């Protein structure tokens, strides 16, 4: 039985259609820092639009987990854990650096699911970045809110490494990505918090960091038209990730125990 009443769920769903608009000049240094954080060249930066329109909460607006406090643009869902679960991105026109761009973010959907693992609330946000009135990048992001759950165990490496390119980020890589994206979530840099409060066995590798590495792998075959990914299992610092591109239209990040951690569907121009 769900612990969330239908009235509360409908209250959160009333946020559907809410939107906000921001503008900024797309600065070359922001792109450069993001490119460096994912190990790419600025001319071929995967998911480069994530270098811009970063969150800007004040100290008073940050919660104990390092995220912006709940409420505001997103509905105020009281479940304690909030994660970026996936995204679907369409690339229409390359972004022009040094030129003003506009971002319109709209809450597209709020859905509730209840199962043996507890309540899950999914919030879908559509983001459109445009320049000179024409859309350049359209992205639909999915956030999931859930309960605390049970502590996660460190994966046990398989006797034979999975197929794919080996990627083993370290603490500095995680810090640089957090800094380049202004991501304050403590599970990526505060090990005592990650292990004792959120129940992880180690620092957690950012989902968007993994997505950027997969997009970079896919871009070796050509410019991306669409890129859609879904996170399925957490990745932890200290263990290798294997980036696999065996399928023409799919790239996968595989944990050291053989579990797919993220899959992405790709199409090309």
Protein backbone atom coordinates (compact mmCIF):
# COMPACT_ATOMS: atom_id res chain seq x y z
CA UNK A 1 0.00 0.00 0.00
CA UNK A 2 1.26 3.43 -0.85
CA UNK A 3 2.20 5.80 1.96
CA UNK A 4 1.35 8.76 -0.25
CA UNK A 5 -2.26 9.90 -0.40
CA UNK A 6 -3.94 10.51 -3.77
CA UNK A 7 -4.57 14.12 -2.70
CA UNK A 8 -0.86 14.77 -2.20
CA UNK A 9 0.00 13.18 -5.52
CA UNK A 10 -2.60 15.35 -7.27
CA UNK A 11 -1.17 18.39 -5.51
CA UNK A 12 2.26 17.63 -6.99
CA UNK A 13 0.71 16.97 -10.38
CA UNK A 14 -0.75 20.48 -10.32
CA UNK A 15 2.80 21.65 -11.07
CA UNK A 16 2.54 20.18 -14.60
CA UNK A 17 2.85 23.04 -17.07
CA UNK A 18 4.81 25.28 -14.70
CA UNK A 19 7.69 26.90 -16.55
CA UNK A 20 10.61 29.26 -16.05
CA UNK A 21 12.78 31.16 -18.50
CA UNK A 22 16.44 32.13 -18.21
CA UNK A 23 18.90 33.80 -20.54
CA UNK A 24 22.68 33.95 -20.55
CA UNK A 25 25.67 34.47 -22.80
CA UNK A 26 27.25 31.09 -23.57
CA UNK A 27 30.80 31.63 -22.35
CA UNK A 28 33.79 29.84 -23.84
CA UNK A 29 35.40 29.30 -20.44
CA UNK A 30 32.32 27.48 -19.13
CA UNK A 31 32.51 25.13 -22.10
CA UNK A 32 36.26 24.68 -21.65
CA UNK A 33 35.88 23.72 -17.97
CA UNK A 34 33.15 21.22 -18.80
CA UNK A 35 35.21 19.74 -21.64
CA UNK A 36 38.23 19.33 -19.38
CA UNK A 37 36.11 17.66 -16.69
CA UNK A 38 34.95 14.94 -19.13
CA UNK A 39 38.30 14.60 -20.90
CA UNK A 40 37.17 16.06 -24.20
CA UNK A 41 38.17 18.72 -26.69
CA UNK A 42 36.06 21.89 -26.72
CA UNK A 43 35.36 21.40 -30.43
CA UNK A 44 33.98 17.90 -29.78
CA UNK A 45 32.51 18.14 -26.29
CA UNK A 46 29.81 15.54 -25.61
CA UNK A 47 26.58 16.98 -24.18
CA UNK A 48 28.16 20.43 -24.27
CA UNK A 49 24.88 22.18 -23.42
CA UNK A 50 25.30 20.94 -19.83
CA UNK A 51 28.10 23.50 -19.45
CA UNK A 52 25.49 26.26 -19.39
CA UNK A 53 22.44 27.37 -17.38
CA UNK A 54 23.85 25.86 -14.20
CA UNK A 55 21.85 25.93 -10.95
CA UNK A 56 22.60 28.92 -8.74
CA UNK A 57 21.12 28.46 -5.26
CA UNK A 58 22.28 30.62 -2.38
CA UNK A 59 23.71 29.01 0.76
CA UNK A 60 20.31 29.37 2.42
CA UNK A 61 18.63 27.53 -0.46
CA UNK A 62 20.82 24.41 -0.19
CA UNK A 63 19.56 21.36 1.70
CA UNK A 64 21.58 19.03 3.94
CA UNK A 65 22.33 16.72 0.99
CA UNK A 66 23.94 19.55 -1.00
CA UNK A 67 21.04 19.76 -3.46
CA UNK A 68 18.88 22.87 -3.68
CA UNK A 69 16.09 22.55 -1.11
CA UNK A 70 12.84 21.04 -2.33
CA UNK A 71 10.09 23.28 -3.53
CA UNK A 72 10.44 26.26 -5.83
CA UNK A 73 10.24 25.27 -9.48
CA UNK A 74 10.08 21.53 -8.82
CA UNK A 75 7.17 20.22 -6.71
CA UNK A 76 7.92 19.85 -2.99
CA UNK A 77 8.00 16.04 -2.78
CA UNK A 78 9.06 14.95 0.73
CA UNK A 79 10.72 11.64 -0.18
CA UNK A 80 14.34 11.94 1.03
CA UNK A 81 16.29 10.74 -2.01
CA UNK A 82 16.33 12.59 -5.34
CA UNK A 83 18.26 11.35 -8.38
CA UNK A 84 18.71 12.15 -12.06
CA UNK A 85 17.31 8.99 -13.66
CA UNK A 86 17.70 9.66 -17.36
CA UNK A 87 17.19 12.00 -20.27
CA UNK A 88 16.17 12.17 -23.91
CA UNK A 89 18.02 14.80 -25.97
CA UNK A 90 17.56 16.09 -29.52
CA UNK A 91 20.26 18.20 -31.14
CA UNK A 92 18.88 20.55 -33.81
CA UNK A 93 21.52 23.25 -34.27
CA UNK A 94 25.01 23.65 -32.73
CA UNK A 95 25.14 26.24 -29.95
CA UNK A 96 27.00 29.44 -30.85
CA UNK A 97 29.55 30.40 -28.18
CA UNK A 98 29.67 34.04 -27.13
CA UNK A 99 26.03 34.54 -28.12
CA UNK A 100 23.00 34.91 -25.84
CA UNK A 101 20.78 31.87 -25.46
CA UNK A 102 17.44 31.30 -23.76
CA UNK A 103 16.39 28.29 -21.71
CA UNK A 104 12.73 27.48 -21.12
CA UNK A 105 12.16 24.68 -18.59
CA UNK A 106 8.67 23.19 -18.20
CA UNK A 107 7.40 20.50 -15.86
CA UNK A 108 6.00 17.98 -18.34
CA UNK A 109 4.71 15.21 -16.05
CA UNK A 110 4.58 13.94 -12.47
CA UNK A 111 3.83 10.24 -11.93
CA UNK A 112 3.72 7.95 -8.90
CA UNK A 113 4.57 4.27 -8.68
CA UNK A 114 4.39 2.03 -5.63
CA UNK A 115 5.96 -1.39 -5.28
CA UNK A 116 7.85 -3.66 -2.95
CA UNK A 117 10.70 -1.17 -2.75
CA UNK A 118 8.37 1.64 -1.69
CA UNK A 119 7.08 4.81 -3.27
CA UNK A 120 8.67 6.34 -6.35
CA UNK A 121 7.71 9.71 -7.79
CA UNK A 122 8.99 10.63 -11.25
CA UNK A 123 9.18 14.25 -12.39
CA UNK A 124 9.71 14.93 -16.10
CA UNK A 125 11.16 18.32 -17.07
CA UNK A 126 11.44 19.51 -20.66
CA UNK A 127 14.22 21.99 -21.36
CA UNK A 128 14.61 23.88 -24.63
CA UNK A 129 17.73 25.96 -25.34
CA UNK A 130 17.31 28.38 -28.22
CA UNK A 131 19.27 31.13 -29.93
CA UNK A 132 17.74 33.83 -32.15
CA UNK A 133 14.35 32.24 -31.51
CA UNK A 134 15.30 28.85 -32.98
CA UNK A 135 15.61 25.71 -30.81
CA UNK A 136 19.12 24.30 -30.64
CA UNK A 137 18.80 21.56 -28.01
CA UNK A 138 15.63 19.98 -26.63
CA UNK A 139 15.98 17.73 -23.59
CA UNK A 140 13.45 15.86 -21.45
CA UNK A 141 15.01 15.01 -18.08
CA UNK A 142 13.64 12.49 -15.60
CA UNK A 143 14.12 12.84 -11.85
CA UNK A 144 13.12 10.16 -9.37
CA UNK A 145 12.24 10.71 -5.72
CA UNK A 146 12.31 7.70 -3.41
CA UNK A 147 12.66 6.60 0.21
CA UNK A 148 15.96 5.87 1.91
CA UNK A 149 15.93 2.18 0.99
CA UNK A 150 18.46 -0.36 2.22
CA UNK A 151 22.23 0.27 2.22
CA UNK A 152 23.92 -0.70 -1.05
CA UNK A 153 26.77 -3.20 -1.16
CA UNK A 154 30.00 -2.74 -3.09
CA UNK A 155 29.76 -4.80 -6.29
CA UNK A 156 31.98 -7.86 -6.46
CA UNK A 157 34.07 -7.77 -9.66
CA UNK A 158 33.41 -10.55 -12.15
CA UNK A 159 36.18 -13.08 -12.72
CA UNK A 160 36.41 -11.85 -16.32
CA UNK A 161 36.18 -8.10 -16.98
CA UNK A 162 33.21 -7.01 -19.10
CA UNK A 163 33.80 -6.01 -22.71
CA UNK A 164 34.44 -2.34 -23.41
CA UNK A 165 36.87 0.49 -22.79
CA UNK A 166 37.96 0.66 -19.16
CA UNK A 167 37.25 3.94 -17.34
CA UNK A 168 38.34 4.39 -13.72
CA UNK A 169 37.68 7.94 -12.49
CA UNK A 170 39.29 9.10 -9.25
CA UNK A 171 38.36 11.62 -6.54
CA UNK A 172 39.79 14.54 -8.51
CA UNK A 173 37.73 13.61 -11.60
CA UNK A 174 34.55 13.56 -9.52
CA UNK A 175 35.43 16.89 -7.90
CA UNK A 176 36.18 18.54 -11.25
CA UNK A 177 32.88 17.35 -12.74
CA UNK A 178 30.97 18.57 -9.68
CA UNK A 179 32.71 21.93 -9.99
CA UNK A 180 32.18 22.26 -13.75
CA UNK A 181 28.44 21.57 -13.36
CA UNK A 182 28.04 23.37 -9.99
CA UNK A 183 26.65 20.14 -8.52
CA UNK A 184 26.73 20.22 -4.73
CA UNK A 185 25.28 16.75 -4.08
CA UNK A 186 27.49 15.36 -1.31
CA UNK A 187 27.42 11.73 -2.45
CA UNK A 188 30.03 12.67 -5.08
CA UNK A 189 32.70 14.19 -2.78
CA UNK A 190 31.80 13.64 0.91
CA UNK A 191 32.50 9.97 1.67
CA UNK A 192 31.35 10.01 5.34
CA UNK A 193 28.03 11.50 4.24
CA UNK A 194 27.66 9.12 1.28
CA UNK A 195 28.30 6.03 3.42
CA UNK A 196 26.76 6.90 6.79
CA UNK A 197 23.74 8.96 5.69
CA UNK A 198 22.78 7.74 2.21
CA UNK A 199 23.98 4.17 2.66
CA UNK A 200 26.38 3.86 -0.26
CA UNK A 201 29.59 1.82 0.06
CA UNK A 202 31.74 4.56 -1.52
CA UNK A 203 31.49 7.87 -3.36
CA UNK A 204 29.03 7.71 -6.26
CA UNK A 205 30.06 8.50 -9.84
CA UNK A 206 27.72 11.13 -11.30
CA UNK A 207 25.10 9.81 -13.69
CA UNK A 208 25.60 12.80 -16.03
CA UNK A 209 29.38 12.20 -15.95
CA UNK A 210 28.80 8.63 -17.13
CA UNK A 211 26.33 9.85 -19.75
CA UNK A 212 28.90 12.32 -21.09
CA UNK A 213 31.50 9.57 -21.38
CA UNK A 214 29.01 7.39 -23.28
CA UNK A 215 28.07 10.28 -25.57
CA UNK A 216 31.76 10.89 -26.26
CA UNK A 217 32.16 7.25 -27.22
CA UNK A 218 29.14 7.43 -29.52
CA UNK A 219 30.41 10.64 -31.18
CA UNK A 220 33.36 8.76 -32.64
CA UNK A 221 30.90 7.45 -35.24
CA UNK A 222 29.59 10.88 -36.17
CA UNK A 223 27.61 13.91 -34.96
CA UNK A 224 24.68 13.05 -32.72
CA UNK A 225 21.09 13.75 -33.72
CA UNK A 226 19.55 12.22 -30.60
CA UNK A 227 20.90 10.73 -27.39
CA UNK A 228 18.65 9.09 -24.78
CA UNK A 229 19.98 7.40 -21.66
CA UNK A 230 18.64 5.65 -18.60
CA UNK A 231 20.47 4.98 -15.34
CA UNK A 232 19.87 1.48 -14.00
CA UNK A 233 22.47 0.88 -11.27
CA UNK A 234 24.90 3.08 -9.30
CA UNK A 235 28.62 3.25 -10.06
CA UNK A 236 31.13 3.64 -7.25
CA UNK A 237 34.52 5.25 -6.94
CA UNK A 238 37.39 2.76 -6.82
CA UNK A 239 35.89 0.37 -9.35
CA UNK A 240 36.32 0.39 -13.12
CA UNK A 241 33.49 1.08 -15.54
CA UNK A 242 33.46 -0.51 -18.99
CA UNK A 243 32.13 1.62 -21.85
CA UNK A 244 30.76 -0.60 -24.60
CA UNK A 245 29.77 0.42 -28.14
CA UNK A 246 29.21 -2.97 -29.75
CA UNK A 247 25.79 -1.96 -31.15
CA UNK A 248 25.47 0.72 -33.85
CA UNK A 249 22.65 2.57 -32.09
CA UNK A 250 23.49 1.86 -28.44
CA UNK A 251 26.28 2.48 -25.93
CA UNK A 252 26.39 0.98 -22.45
CA UNK A 253 28.26 1.58 -19.21
CA UNK A 254 28.84 -1.75 -17.46
CA UNK A 255 29.89 -2.21 -13.84
CA UNK A 256 32.82 -4.38 -12.91
CA UNK A 257 30.39 -7.12 -11.82
CA UNK A 258 28.82 -7.21 -15.29
CA UNK A 259 25.68 -5.24 -14.37
CA UNK A 260 24.59 -2.63 -16.96
CA UNK A 261 24.66 0.67 -15.08
CA UNK A 262 23.49 2.94 -17.92
CA UNK A 263 22.31 2.38 -21.47
CA UNK A 264 21.94 5.02 -24.16
CA UNK A 265 20.20 4.93 -27.52
CA UNK A 266 21.82 7.01 -30.25
CA UNK A 267 20.97 8.32 -33.70
CA UNK A 268 23.26 10.25 -36.03
CA UNK A 269 22.93 13.14 -38.45
